[in-house]
């Protein structure tokens, strides 16, 4: 008794592209805040953002002090 294999799942690129773009932009924003915020190109004044992402900076290898 042989069972037929289920058909492969297909996912069109058009369905993935908006989500890939969204997450790509989100990751770039996150990388900015972890890697550059608090320096010369800071968007927010003070050290608040730097303190929130301080451990992430070290984990990703960014120097900060």
C-alpha atoms as a PDB file:
ATOM      1  CA  UNK A   1       0.000   0.000   0.000  1.00  0.00           C
ATOM      2  CA  UNK A   2       1.743   3.121  -1.269  1.00  0.00           C
ATOM      3  CA  UNK A   3       0.662   6.619  -0.346  1.00  0.00           C
ATOM      4  CA  UNK A   4       1.101   9.455  -2.780  1.00  0.00           C
ATOM      5  CA  UNK A   5       3.487  12.175  -1.642  1.00  0.00           C
ATOM      6  CA  UNK A   6       1.807  15.466  -0.822  1.00  0.00           C
ATOM      7  CA  UNK A   7       2.374  18.222  -3.376  1.00  0.00           C
ATOM      8  CA  UNK A   8       5.214  20.606  -2.506  1.00  0.00           C
ATOM      9  CA  UNK A   9       4.276  23.912  -0.943  1.00  0.00           C
ATOM     10  CA  UNK A  10       4.899  26.896  -3.165  1.00  0.00           C
ATOM     11  CA  UNK A  11       5.282  30.437  -1.955  1.00  0.00           C
ATOM     12  CA  UNK A  12       5.452  33.132  -4.623  1.00  0.00           C
ATOM     13  CA  UNK A  13       8.217  35.725  -4.341  1.00  0.00           C
ATOM     14  CA  UNK A  14       5.559  38.459  -4.576  1.00  0.00           C
ATOM     15  CA  UNK A  15       4.181  37.289  -1.241  1.00  0.00           C
ATOM     16  CA  UNK A  16       7.599  37.319   0.455  1.00  0.00           C
ATOM     17  CA  UNK A  17       9.047  40.550  -0.973  1.00  0.00           C
ATOM     18  CA  UNK A  18       7.057  43.097   1.117  1.00  0.00           C
ATOM     19  CA  UNK A  19       7.862  41.217   4.331  1.00  0.00           C
ATOM     20  CA  UNK A  20      11.529  40.861   3.396  1.00  0.00           C
ATOM     21  CA  UNK A  21      11.732  44.610   2.698  1.00  0.00           C
ATOM     22  CA  UNK A  22       9.968  45.428   5.978  1.00  0.00           C
ATOM     23  CA  UNK A  23      12.250  43.236   8.079  1.00  0.00           C
ATOM     24  CA  UNK A  24      15.324  44.429   6.179  1.00  0.00           C
ATOM     25  CA  UNK A  25      14.504  48.063   6.970  1.00  0.00           C
ATOM     26  CA  UNK A  26      13.693  47.132  10.566  1.00  0.00           C
ATOM     27  CA  UNK A  27      17.070  45.402  10.922  1.00  0.00           C
ATOM     28  CA  UNK A  28      18.898  48.425   9.470  1.00  0.00           C
ATOM     29  CA  UNK A  29      17.159  50.703  11.992  1.00  0.00           C
ATOM     30  CA  UNK A  30      18.057  48.312  14.806  1.00  0.00           C
ATOM     31  CA  UNK A  31      21.662  48.150  13.601  1.00  0.00           C
ATOM     32  CA  UNK A  32      21.810  51.957  13.583  1.00  0.00           C
ATOM     33  CA  UNK A  33      20.547  52.233  17.150  1.00  0.00           C
ATOM     34  CA  UNK A  34      22.867  49.524  18.429  1.00  0.00           C
ATOM     35  CA  UNK A  35      25.903  50.581  16.446  1.00  0.00           C
ATOM     36  CA  UNK A  36      25.814  54.335  15.982  1.00  0.00           C
ATOM     37  CA  UNK A  37      23.263  56.012  18.241  1.00  0.00           C
ATOM     38  CA  UNK A  38      24.919  58.117  20.894  1.00  0.00           C
ATOM     39  CA  UNK A  39      27.818  59.157  18.695  1.00  0.00           C
ATOM     40  CA  UNK A  40      28.305  62.024  16.271  1.00  0.00           C
ATOM     41  CA  UNK A  41      25.225  61.116  14.208  1.00  0.00           C
ATOM     42  CA  UNK A  42      22.911  60.751  17.214  1.00  0.00           C
ATOM     43  CA  UNK A  43      19.198  61.266  16.636  1.00  0.00           C
ATOM     44  CA  UNK A  44      18.415  61.569  20.349  1.00  0.00           C
ATOM     45  CA  UNK A  45      20.407  63.674  22.786  1.00  0.00           C
ATOM     46  CA  UNK A  46      21.786  62.211  25.978  1.00  0.00           C
ATOM     47  CA  UNK A  47      22.879  58.705  26.821  1.00  0.00           C
ATOM     48  CA  UNK A  48      19.459  57.038  27.201  1.00  0.00           C
ATOM     49  CA  UNK A  49      19.501  55.010  23.989  1.00  0.00           C
ATOM     50  CA  UNK A  50      23.159  54.127  24.489  1.00  0.00           C
ATOM     51  CA  UNK A  51      22.423  52.685  27.924  1.00  0.00           C
ATOM     52  CA  UNK A  52      19.484  50.631  26.583  1.00  0.00           C
ATOM     53  CA  UNK A  53      21.592  49.015  23.860  1.00  0.00           C
ATOM     54  CA  UNK A  54      24.931  48.950  25.706  1.00  0.00           C
ATOM     55  CA  UNK A  55      25.138  45.175  26.173  1.00  0.00           C
ATOM     56  CA  UNK A  56      23.990  44.572  22.605  1.00  0.00           C
ATOM     57  CA  UNK A  57      26.813  46.786  21.368  1.00  0.00           C
ATOM     58  CA  UNK A  58      29.392  44.636  23.124  1.00  0.00           C
ATOM     59  CA  UNK A  59      27.705  41.413  22.030  1.00  0.00           C
ATOM     60  CA  UNK A  60      27.892  42.512  18.378  1.00  0.00           C
ATOM     61  CA  UNK A  61      31.476  43.757  18.720  1.00  0.00           C
ATOM     62  CA  UNK A  62      30.854  47.509  18.553  1.00  0.00           C
ATOM     63  CA  UNK A  63      33.248  49.587  20.629  1.00  0.00           C
ATOM     64  CA  UNK A  64      31.540  52.162  22.795  1.00  0.00           C
ATOM     65  CA  UNK A  65      33.981  53.405  25.432  1.00  0.00           C
END
